[in-house]
């Protein structure tokens, strides 16, 4: 189901490079493979157990001997590749250390498998270690393999040129049918949501205008059950009084958009969860222009909006029993003669006025109008803003954690628990009463930055000004975690799609209530 409300809509196909290295996924009964290419888990100090020990016996001890000769200790995430081990043409050994304990550990195992076998041209049987308290270990490991294998590729390279032979990963499970069902009905949906977010983030900004991004969302959800999409163009945005969103985009020849993706999977009339994402398709800083170093990476400044859209795709694909809405506040921040200036005053949709101290503090502007509109439109049971908002959060938490801000300790607990289960780490940071004082303006209601206060908390305090008293509200600052400079087992170099797995896990909490 689709509702497309826009005065000037030009459909543009989403043409992206083929992800040639993404493996085909299958499941089979957990028993020792008789031949071919295999992946075996190896415990601490090179210990082999279960099927891995049986495989070594079939290889007449050659695998254990190779482990000893190489000094392979089986540390978690370590790998050793062997060839011609008895009946096995190739063997990838993946260390599990003291044992896998969580779904995150299984995802990492699967991602390590995908990266270690990406060049293999044959089918591969993957032995999956047990992880405590995790149901459907094989499906979760397969999810990690998909996430770890993602490759955006090179822009403009035709799909048929990029496509090559895919490795087939067959994950061995005690109940292959149950693993297949878990994969098809749930685990694969998470990977699909993350892939959509990564695709959007990775797209170059000369292609990725606000209108283009809105069109991709419409195209992606066309025909998806339970989903409707609303797109507001610049004329409608201005008419609704969204001066903060409109003002942010007025320096660009490519005007802003507001996109709402509504998924109805829960009870009729049940208030939805709302994810409001920052969608700055490129951020120059505006008149307060950024230094040139690393400005190229500002194509990822719409990562919050991409994650919000990806989360709804995941919920819809797995038929989640919850109502949810993603609101994408999309603009391009450019410094032309029509751009807003430091010292200007904008009037937001709520009627609250904003003194502009820095045009490079623009993400909070678009989110303010997006959050207010979402509350007016949907009366949510919970609202969260997600954004690459501040450099300050990177200074505080580095690339290991996103910053979590909320006045609601119970809601903080929900998000922190979801972070642990999803593998997308959060750290709860404070917003001191003095921070609210720091953003009071002499000429407007608030200003968009505050001197002498911690920058990440200032951004959160600003957004809290637009959260209604009756709305449970959380802000997540992902500036340090939205992009990987080197990559890891599950997240590639480049766009991470952080937030999709977190929001999916939060939604599961509400489904369980």
Protein backbone atom coordinates (compact mmCIF):
# COMPACT_ATOMS: atom_id res chain seq x y z
CA UNK A 1 0.00 0.00 0.00
CA UNK A 2 1.40 3.41 -0.95
CA UNK A 3 0.31 6.99 -0.46
CA UNK A 4 2.48 9.42 -2.35
CA UNK A 5 1.76 13.07 -1.56
CA UNK A 6 4.08 15.36 -3.46
CA UNK A 7 3.57 18.18 -5.90
CA UNK A 8 6.65 17.52 -8.00
CA UNK A 9 7.50 13.84 -8.13
CA UNK A 10 9.92 12.40 -10.62
CA UNK A 11 10.44 8.66 -10.33
CA UNK A 12 14.13 7.78 -10.42
CA UNK A 13 15.13 4.13 -10.36
CA UNK A 14 17.46 2.99 -7.61
CA UNK A 15 20.41 1.71 -9.62
CA UNK A 16 23.16 0.48 -7.33
CA UNK A 17 26.24 -1.68 -7.85
CA UNK A 18 25.71 -5.40 -7.48
CA UNK A 19 26.85 -6.82 -4.15
CA UNK A 20 28.73 -9.63 -5.88
CA UNK A 21 30.21 -11.16 -2.77
CA UNK A 22 26.96 -11.71 -0.84
CA UNK A 23 26.68 -15.47 -0.37
CA UNK A 24 23.73 -17.72 -1.03
CA UNK A 25 22.43 -19.10 2.26
CA UNK A 26 21.16 -22.59 3.04
CA UNK A 27 20.72 -24.95 6.00
CA UNK A 28 21.29 -28.66 6.52
CA UNK A 29 21.28 -31.17 9.35
CA UNK A 30 24.20 -30.86 11.76
CA UNK A 31 26.40 -33.82 10.95
CA UNK A 32 29.97 -34.24 9.81
CA UNK A 33 30.41 -33.28 6.13
CA UNK A 34 31.94 -36.11 4.14
CA UNK A 35 33.99 -33.94 1.78
CA UNK A 36 34.34 -30.54 0.14
CA UNK A 37 34.96 -27.13 1.71
CA UNK A 38 34.09 -26.71 5.39
CA UNK A 39 34.23 -24.20 8.23
CA UNK A 40 35.02 -25.46 11.72
CA UNK A 41 34.90 -23.65 15.07
CA UNK A 42 38.02 -23.98 17.20
CA UNK A 43 38.03 -23.40 20.94
CA UNK A 44 40.65 -21.95 23.24
CA UNK A 45 44.16 -23.35 22.79
CA UNK A 46 43.14 -24.97 19.51
CA UNK A 47 40.57 -27.33 21.01
CA UNK A 48 38.37 -29.28 18.61
CA UNK A 49 35.05 -30.71 19.75
CA UNK A 50 31.87 -32.21 18.36
CA UNK A 51 31.64 -32.20 14.56
CA UNK A 52 34.99 -30.40 14.30
CA UNK A 53 36.68 -33.27 16.15
CA UNK A 54 34.91 -35.78 13.93
CA UNK A 55 36.13 -33.91 10.83
CA UNK A 56 39.69 -34.09 12.13
CA UNK A 57 39.32 -37.85 12.57
CA UNK A 58 38.13 -38.10 8.95
CA UNK A 59 41.24 -36.14 7.96
CA UNK A 60 43.37 -38.62 10.00
CA UNK A 61 44.46 -35.92 12.45
CA UNK A 62 45.78 -33.54 9.78
CA UNK A 63 43.66 -30.62 11.00
CA UNK A 64 44.84 -30.91 14.62
CA UNK A 65 48.42 -31.27 13.40
CA UNK A 66 48.09 -28.11 11.30
CA UNK A 67 46.67 -26.24 14.29
CA UNK A 68 49.63 -27.27 16.41
CA UNK A 69 52.19 -26.51 13.70
CA UNK A 70 50.72 -23.04 13.06
CA UNK A 71 50.42 -22.27 16.77
CA UNK A 72 46.76 -21.46 16.22
CA UNK A 73 45.26 -20.66 19.64
CA UNK A 74 41.59 -20.39 18.66
CA UNK A 75 41.17 -16.89 20.02
CA UNK A 76 37.74 -15.42 19.26
CA UNK A 77 37.67 -14.16 15.68
CA UNK A 78 41.07 -15.61 14.70
CA UNK A 79 41.16 -17.62 11.48
CA UNK A 80 43.38 -20.19 9.82
CA UNK A 81 42.82 -21.47 6.27
CA UNK A 82 43.97 -24.95 5.28
CA UNK A 83 43.82 -26.84 1.98
CA UNK A 84 43.84 -30.54 1.14
CA UNK A 85 43.01 -31.88 4.59
CA UNK A 86 42.06 -35.50 3.90
CA UNK A 87 38.63 -35.54 2.23
CA UNK A 88 38.30 -31.76 2.61
CA UNK A 89 39.41 -29.52 -0.24
CA UNK A 90 39.49 -26.44 1.98
CA UNK A 91 39.05 -25.83 5.70
CA UNK A 92 38.50 -22.46 7.40
CA UNK A 93 39.12 -22.60 11.12
CA UNK A 94 37.41 -19.85 13.13
CA UNK A 95 38.40 -19.28 16.73
CA UNK A 96 35.68 -19.11 19.36
CA UNK A 97 37.87 -18.63 22.45
CA UNK A 98 36.05 -19.57 25.65
CA UNK A 99 32.83 -20.08 23.68
CA UNK A 100 30.18 -17.90 22.08
CA UNK A 101 27.73 -16.45 24.55
CA UNK A 102 25.32 -14.19 22.65
CA UNK A 103 23.59 -13.47 19.36
CA UNK A 104 26.20 -10.78 18.78
CA UNK A 105 28.94 -13.41 19.10
CA UNK A 106 27.13 -15.58 16.56
CA UNK A 107 26.77 -12.65 14.15
CA UNK A 108 30.50 -12.03 14.45
CA UNK A 109 31.20 -15.72 13.82
CA UNK A 110 29.02 -15.65 10.70
CA UNK A 111 30.61 -12.45 9.44
CA UNK A 112 34.06 -13.96 9.93
CA UNK A 113 32.97 -17.02 7.97
CA UNK A 114 31.68 -14.90 5.08
CA UNK A 115 34.87 -12.88 4.83
CA UNK A 116 37.09 -15.91 5.14
CA UNK A 117 35.31 -17.85 2.36
CA UNK A 118 34.45 -14.98 -0.02
CA UNK A 119 37.05 -16.07 -2.59
CA UNK A 120 36.01 -19.73 -2.58
CA UNK A 121 34.15 -20.92 -5.64
CA UNK A 122 32.40 -23.97 -4.20
CA UNK A 123 29.67 -24.76 -1.73
CA UNK A 124 30.80 -24.54 1.89
CA UNK A 125 29.38 -26.41 4.89
CA UNK A 126 29.57 -24.31 8.05
CA UNK A 127 29.62 -25.93 11.48
CA UNK A 128 27.90 -23.53 13.92
CA UNK A 129 28.95 -23.54 17.59
CA UNK A 130 26.30 -23.33 20.29
CA UNK A 131 25.80 -20.00 22.04
CA UNK A 132 24.20 -19.86 25.47
CA UNK A 133 20.57 -18.70 25.59
CA UNK A 134 20.35 -18.17 21.81
CA UNK A 135 17.61 -19.88 19.83
CA UNK A 136 18.27 -20.71 16.18
CA UNK A 137 22.03 -20.27 16.32
CA UNK A 138 22.44 -21.15 12.64
CA UNK A 139 20.00 -18.48 11.42
CA UNK A 140 21.73 -15.80 13.51
CA UNK A 141 25.14 -16.89 12.21
CA UNK A 142 23.74 -16.69 8.66
CA UNK A 143 22.52 -13.17 9.40
CA UNK A 144 26.04 -12.22 10.46
CA UNK A 145 27.41 -13.73 7.27
CA UNK A 146 25.09 -11.57 5.15
CA UNK A 147 25.98 -8.44 7.09
CA UNK A 148 29.69 -9.14 6.88
CA UNK A 149 29.60 -9.92 3.15
CA UNK A 150 27.98 -6.61 2.14
CA UNK A 151 29.94 -4.70 -0.50
CA UNK A 152 28.53 -1.54 -2.08
CA UNK A 153 30.92 -1.95 -4.97
CA UNK A 154 32.01 0.73 -7.43
CA UNK A 155 29.46 3.29 -8.58
CA UNK A 156 28.48 2.99 -12.24
CA UNK A 157 29.76 -0.54 -12.71
CA UNK A 158 27.06 -2.58 -14.41
CA UNK A 159 25.55 -5.39 -12.36
CA UNK A 160 26.51 -8.01 -14.92
CA UNK A 161 30.14 -6.83 -14.78
CA UNK A 162 30.21 -6.89 -10.99
CA UNK A 163 28.43 -10.19 -10.56
CA UNK A 164 30.63 -13.22 -10.10
CA UNK A 165 30.23 -16.75 -8.79
CA UNK A 166 28.63 -16.67 -5.35
CA UNK A 167 29.84 -18.88 -2.57
CA UNK A 168 27.01 -20.93 -1.07
CA UNK A 169 27.16 -21.17 2.71
CA UNK A 170 25.20 -24.07 4.18
CA UNK A 171 24.88 -23.66 7.94
CA UNK A 172 24.53 -26.92 9.85
CA UNK A 173 21.74 -26.97 12.44
CA UNK A 174 20.14 -29.63 14.66
CA UNK A 175 16.82 -28.87 12.96
CA UNK A 176 17.46 -27.59 9.44
CA UNK A 177 13.78 -26.93 8.77
CA UNK A 178 13.43 -24.79 11.89
CA UNK A 179 16.61 -22.90 10.98
CA UNK A 180 15.28 -22.26 7.49
CA UNK A 181 11.99 -20.92 8.88
CA UNK A 182 13.82 -18.67 11.34
CA UNK A 183 15.99 -17.34 8.53
CA UNK A 184 13.19 -16.73 6.06
CA UNK A 185 10.71 -15.24 8.53
CA UNK A 186 13.05 -13.21 10.71
CA UNK A 187 16.85 -13.16 10.50
CA UNK A 188 17.06 -12.34 6.79
CA UNK A 189 14.70 -9.38 7.26
CA UNK A 190 17.19 -7.73 9.60
CA UNK A 191 19.97 -8.03 7.02
CA UNK A 192 17.68 -6.64 4.31
CA UNK A 193 16.90 -3.58 6.42
CA UNK A 194 20.58 -2.97 7.10
CA UNK A 195 21.43 -3.39 3.41
CA UNK A 196 18.83 -0.80 2.39
CA UNK A 197 20.25 1.68 4.89
CA UNK A 198 23.81 1.02 3.73
CA UNK A 199 22.84 1.43 0.08
CA UNK A 200 21.28 4.84 0.75
CA UNK A 201 24.19 6.04 2.88
CA UNK A 202 26.83 4.89 0.38
CA UNK A 203 25.23 6.61 -2.62
CA UNK A 204 27.22 9.69 -3.74
CA UNK A 205 25.56 12.99 -2.90
CA UNK A 206 25.55 14.28 -6.48
CA UNK A 207 22.99 11.51 -7.05
CA UNK A 208 21.40 11.56 -3.60
CA UNK A 209 19.27 14.70 -3.56
CA UNK A 210 16.40 14.93 -1.05
CA UNK A 211 13.91 14.18 -3.84
CA UNK A 212 15.96 11.20 -5.05
CA UNK A 213 16.10 9.77 -1.54
CA UNK A 214 12.35 10.18 -1.12
CA UNK A 215 11.80 8.43 -4.44
CA UNK A 216 13.95 5.47 -3.38
CA UNK A 217 11.88 5.02 -0.25
CA UNK A 218 8.67 5.07 -2.29
CA UNK A 219 10.09 2.52 -4.72
CA UNK A 220 11.45 0.24 -2.00
CA UNK A 221 8.17 0.00 -0.13
CA UNK A 222 5.89 -0.21 -3.15
CA UNK A 223 3.91 -3.41 -2.68
CA UNK A 224 5.22 -4.14 0.83
CA UNK A 225 2.29 -5.33 2.93
CA UNK A 226 1.12 -3.09 5.73
CA UNK A 227 3.19 -0.08 4.67
CA UNK A 228 2.15 3.33 3.36
CA UNK A 229 4.52 6.15 2.40
CA UNK A 230 3.80 9.86 2.53
CA UNK A 231 6.10 12.42 0.90
CA UNK A 232 5.81 16.14 1.56
CA UNK A 233 7.60 18.48 -0.84
CA UNK A 234 9.02 21.92 -0.11
CA UNK A 235 5.73 23.70 -0.81
CA UNK A 236 3.89 21.56 1.71
CA UNK A 237 6.75 21.81 4.20
CA UNK A 238 6.62 25.61 4.03
CA UNK A 239 2.81 25.65 4.24
CA UNK A 240 2.93 23.58 7.43
CA UNK A 241 5.22 26.16 9.03
CA UNK A 242 8.28 23.89 9.19
CA UNK A 243 10.67 26.83 9.15
CA UNK A 244 13.54 24.84 10.65
CA UNK A 245 13.46 22.10 7.99
CA UNK A 246 12.69 24.52 5.17
CA UNK A 247 15.34 26.98 6.33
CA UNK A 248 18.03 24.31 6.47
CA UNK A 249 17.41 23.38 2.85
CA UNK A 250 16.85 26.82 1.40
CA UNK A 251 20.52 27.28 0.50
CA UNK A 252 20.36 24.35 -1.93
CA UNK A 253 18.87 24.24 -5.41
CA UNK A 254 17.62 20.77 -4.40
CA UNK A 255 14.76 21.44 -1.95
CA UNK A 256 13.90 19.46 1.20
CA UNK A 257 11.50 16.58 1.69
CA UNK A 258 9.69 15.05 4.65
CA UNK A 259 8.97 11.34 4.30
CA UNK A 260 6.81 9.21 6.59
CA UNK A 261 6.87 5.41 6.30
CA UNK A 262 3.98 3.96 8.29
CA UNK A 263 3.87 0.26 9.13
CA UNK A 264 0.72 -1.23 10.64
CA UNK A 265 1.51 -4.65 12.05
CA UNK A 266 0.02 -4.23 15.52
CA UNK A 267 -3.48 -3.85 16.88
CA UNK A 268 -5.70 -1.36 15.11
CA UNK A 269 -5.59 1.98 16.92
CA UNK A 270 -2.51 1.08 18.96
CA UNK A 271 -0.14 4.06 19.12
CA UNK A 272 3.01 3.52 17.04
CA UNK A 273 6.68 3.66 17.82
CA UNK A 274 8.18 6.58 15.91
CA UNK A 275 11.75 6.77 14.58
CA UNK A 276 12.70 10.26 13.42
CA UNK A 277 15.90 10.32 11.36
CA UNK A 278 18.21 13.13 10.32
CA UNK A 279 18.45 13.11 6.52
CA UNK A 280 21.08 15.65 5.50
CA UNK A 281 22.03 14.30 2.07
CA UNK A 282 25.19 16.40 2.09
CA UNK A 283 26.47 18.72 4.79
CA UNK A 284 28.89 21.48 3.86
CA UNK A 285 28.14 23.23 7.14
CA UNK A 286 26.36 25.97 5.21
CA UNK A 287 27.66 29.52 5.84
CA UNK A 288 29.49 28.06 8.88
CA UNK A 289 31.39 25.95 6.39
CA UNK A 290 33.30 22.86 7.48
CA UNK A 291 37.03 22.36 6.98
CA UNK A 292 37.78 20.55 3.72
CA UNK A 293 39.43 17.54 5.39
CA UNK A 294 37.03 14.58 5.35
CA UNK A 295 34.11 16.67 4.10
CA UNK A 296 33.69 14.00 1.41
CA UNK A 297 32.31 11.72 4.10
CA UNK A 298 29.35 14.04 4.67
CA UNK A 299 27.33 11.97 2.23
CA UNK A 300 26.70 9.83 5.32
CA UNK A 301 25.01 12.67 7.24
CA UNK A 302 21.64 11.11 6.43
CA UNK A 303 22.51 7.88 8.24
CA UNK A 304 19.80 8.44 10.86
CA UNK A 305 17.10 8.70 8.21
CA UNK A 306 18.49 5.66 6.38
CA UNK A 307 18.48 3.61 9.59
CA UNK A 308 14.90 4.63 10.36
CA UNK A 309 13.78 3.55 6.88
CA UNK A 310 15.75 0.30 7.15
CA UNK A 311 14.17 -0.48 10.51
CA UNK A 312 10.65 -0.20 9.05
CA UNK A 313 11.66 -2.45 6.16
CA UNK A 314 12.88 -5.04 8.65
CA UNK A 315 9.68 -4.85 10.71
CA UNK A 316 7.51 -5.23 7.62
CA UNK A 317 9.59 -8.07 6.15
CA UNK A 318 9.40 -10.09 9.37
CA UNK A 319 5.71 -9.27 9.92
CA UNK A 320 6.36 -7.65 13.30
CA UNK A 321 3.31 -7.34 15.55
CA UNK A 322 3.74 -3.66 16.25
CA UNK A 323 2.80 -0.33 14.70
CA UNK A 324 5.74 1.87 13.77
CA UNK A 325 6.53 4.97 11.72
CA UNK A 326 9.80 6.30 10.33
CA UNK A 327 9.88 10.05 9.71
CA UNK A 328 12.76 11.16 7.51
CA UNK A 329 13.61 14.87 7.65
CA UNK A 330 15.64 15.33 4.46
CA UNK A 331 17.57 18.39 3.26
CA UNK A 332 20.89 19.42 1.74
CA UNK A 333 22.91 22.00 3.69
CA UNK A 334 24.60 24.32 1.18
CA UNK A 335 26.11 27.84 1.46
CA UNK A 336 24.62 29.80 -1.44
CA UNK A 337 23.22 33.35 -1.42
CA UNK A 338 19.85 32.14 -0.19
CA UNK A 339 21.24 30.13 2.74
CA UNK A 340 20.41 30.92 6.35
CA UNK A 341 23.05 32.90 8.25
CA UNK A 342 24.37 32.81 11.81
CA UNK A 343 22.20 35.23 13.73
CA UNK A 344 19.03 34.48 11.75
CA UNK A 345 15.86 33.44 13.58
CA UNK A 346 13.71 30.59 12.27
CA UNK A 347 10.20 29.69 13.37
CA UNK A 348 9.59 25.98 13.73
CA UNK A 349 6.31 24.15 13.17
CA UNK A 350 5.60 24.18 16.90
CA UNK A 351 5.80 27.99 16.90
CA UNK A 352 9.01 27.91 18.91
CA UNK A 353 11.68 30.23 17.51
CA UNK A 354 15.35 29.36 17.00
CA UNK A 355 18.34 31.69 16.88
CA UNK A 356 20.95 30.28 14.52
CA UNK A 357 24.37 30.36 16.15
CA UNK A 358 25.92 27.97 13.63
CA UNK A 359 24.48 26.78 10.34
CA UNK A 360 26.56 23.64 10.86
CA UNK A 361 24.25 22.67 13.73
CA UNK A 362 21.57 21.91 11.16
CA UNK A 363 20.64 18.32 11.99
CA UNK A 364 18.79 19.34 15.13
CA UNK A 365 16.83 21.87 13.08
CA UNK A 366 15.38 19.34 10.65
CA UNK A 367 14.74 16.88 13.49
CA UNK A 368 12.84 19.49 15.51
CA UNK A 369 10.23 19.91 12.80
CA UNK A 370 10.22 16.18 12.00
CA UNK A 371 9.69 15.25 15.65
CA UNK A 372 6.94 17.81 16.18
CA UNK A 373 5.10 16.76 13.00
CA UNK A 374 5.37 13.10 14.00
CA UNK A 375 3.84 13.78 17.41
CA UNK A 376 1.03 15.84 15.92
CA UNK A 377 0.31 13.24 13.25
CA UNK A 378 0.70 9.95 15.12
CA UNK A 379 0.52 10.53 18.91
CA UNK A 380 3.28 7.94 19.43
CA UNK A 381 3.73 5.69 22.44
CA UNK A 382 7.48 6.37 22.11
CA UNK A 383 9.56 8.63 19.88
CA UNK A 384 13.27 8.47 19.17
CA UNK A 385 15.48 10.76 17.13
CA UNK A 386 18.57 9.28 15.52
CA UNK A 387 21.28 11.39 13.94
CA UNK A 388 24.92 11.88 13.13
CA UNK A 389 24.50 14.97 15.25
CA UNK A 390 27.70 16.04 17.00
CA UNK A 391 31.45 15.70 16.84
CA UNK A 392 31.38 15.98 20.62
CA UNK A 393 29.88 12.51 21.01
CA UNK A 394 32.80 11.13 19.01
CA UNK A 395 35.20 12.81 21.42
CA UNK A 396 33.32 11.29 24.36
CA UNK A 397 32.68 7.78 23.09
CA UNK A 398 34.85 7.28 20.01
CA UNK A 399 33.68 4.72 17.46
CA UNK A 400 32.64 2.15 20.07
CA UNK A 401 29.32 3.55 21.31
CA UNK A 402 26.47 5.73 20.18
CA UNK A 403 25.28 8.28 22.71
CA UNK A 404 21.92 7.70 24.41
CA UNK A 405 20.01 10.62 25.91
CA UNK A 406 16.68 10.48 27.73
CA UNK A 407 15.02 11.75 30.90
CA UNK A 408 13.24 8.40 31.29
CA UNK A 409 15.39 5.84 33.13
CA UNK A 410 13.01 3.00 32.27
CA UNK A 411 13.22 3.84 28.57
CA UNK A 412 16.99 4.11 28.87
CA UNK A 413 17.00 0.56 30.24
CA UNK A 414 14.92 -0.67 27.31
CA UNK A 415 17.36 0.82 24.82
CA UNK A 416 20.48 -0.35 26.65
CA UNK A 417 19.12 -3.90 26.81
CA UNK A 418 18.25 -3.73 23.10
CA UNK A 419 21.77 -2.49 22.37
CA UNK A 420 23.32 -5.45 24.14
CA UNK A 421 21.10 -7.94 22.31
CA UNK A 422 21.48 -6.34 18.87
CA UNK A 423 25.23 -5.73 19.02
CA UNK A 424 24.79 -1.98 18.40
CA UNK A 425 26.38 -0.47 21.49
CA UNK A 426 24.99 2.51 23.42
CA UNK A 427 26.22 4.59 26.35
CA UNK A 428 23.81 6.64 28.46
CA UNK A 429 25.01 10.25 28.66
CA UNK A 430 23.55 13.04 30.84
CA UNK A 431 21.74 16.27 30.05
CA UNK A 432 22.31 18.61 33.00
CA UNK A 433 19.73 21.33 33.82
CA UNK A 434 22.47 23.87 33.07
CA UNK A 435 22.56 22.60 29.48
CA UNK A 436 18.99 23.80 28.95
CA UNK A 437 20.00 27.19 30.31
CA UNK A 438 22.92 27.29 27.88
CA UNK A 439 20.59 27.19 24.84
CA UNK A 440 18.29 29.99 25.95
CA UNK A 441 18.40 32.87 23.48
CA UNK A 442 18.13 36.62 23.96
CA UNK A 443 16.25 37.10 20.68
CA UNK A 444 14.39 33.79 20.28
CA UNK A 445 13.08 30.93 22.40
CA UNK A 446 16.23 28.84 21.99
CA UNK A 447 19.49 28.87 20.06
CA UNK A 448 20.88 25.95 18.15
CA UNK A 449 24.14 25.73 20.08
CA UNK A 450 25.28 26.66 23.58
CA UNK A 451 28.62 27.95 24.76
CA UNK A 452 30.31 26.31 27.72
CA UNK A 453 28.13 23.19 27.70
CA UNK A 454 29.02 19.70 26.40
CA UNK A 455 28.18 19.63 22.72
CA UNK A 456 26.50 16.21 22.54
CA UNK A 457 24.26 17.09 25.50
CA UNK A 458 23.45 20.47 23.93
CA UNK A 459 22.14 18.71 20.82
CA UNK A 460 20.02 16.39 22.94
CA UNK A 461 18.72 19.24 25.12
CA UNK A 462 17.71 21.17 22.00
CA UNK A 463 15.68 18.22 20.70
CA UNK A 464 14.07 17.66 24.09
CA UNK A 465 12.54 21.13 23.67
CA UNK A 466 10.37 19.63 20.91
CA UNK A 467 9.40 16.43 22.76
CA UNK A 468 5.91 16.80 24.21
CA UNK A 469 5.52 16.08 27.90
CA UNK A 470 3.30 13.09 27.20
CA UNK A 471 5.73 11.54 24.70
CA UNK A 472 8.36 9.13 26.05
CA UNK A 473 11.44 10.36 24.20
CA UNK A 474 14.96 9.14 23.42
CA UNK A 475 17.73 10.68 21.35
CA UNK A 476 20.53 8.58 19.84
CA UNK A 477 23.65 10.33 18.52
CA UNK A 478 25.42 8.04 16.04
CA UNK A 479 28.13 10.40 14.78
CA UNK A 480 30.90 8.03 15.87
CA UNK A 481 29.38 4.73 14.78
CA UNK A 482 27.64 5.41 11.45
CA UNK A 483 30.77 4.99 9.35
CA UNK A 484 33.63 2.48 9.61
CA UNK A 485 37.05 3.59 8.45
CA UNK A 486 38.38 0.04 8.36
CA UNK A 487 35.47 -2.33 9.01
CA UNK A 488 35.02 -5.43 11.14
CA UNK A 489 33.48 -8.88 10.82
CA UNK A 490 29.89 -7.64 10.61
CA UNK A 491 30.22 -4.01 9.50
CA UNK A 492 32.04 -3.25 6.25
CA UNK A 493 34.40 -0.38 5.61
CA UNK A 494 32.10 2.58 4.98
CA UNK A 495 28.40 2.77 5.78
CA UNK A 496 27.32 0.72 8.81
CA UNK A 497 23.54 1.16 8.83
CA UNK A 498 23.72 1.55 12.61
CA UNK A 499 20.28 1.72 14.18
CA UNK A 500 18.38 -0.86 12.14
CA UNK A 501 19.24 -3.76 14.45
CA UNK A 502 18.84 -1.57 17.54
CA UNK A 503 15.39 -0.33 16.56
CA UNK A 504 14.29 -3.83 15.54
CA UNK A 505 15.28 -5.10 18.98
CA UNK A 506 13.46 -2.20 20.68
CA UNK A 507 10.36 -3.08 18.66
CA UNK A 508 10.63 -6.71 19.84
CA UNK A 509 10.47 -5.42 23.41
CA UNK A 510 7.18 -3.69 22.67
CA UNK A 511 5.85 -6.72 20.78
CA UNK A 512 6.46 -8.85 23.87
CA UNK A 513 4.39 -6.58 26.14
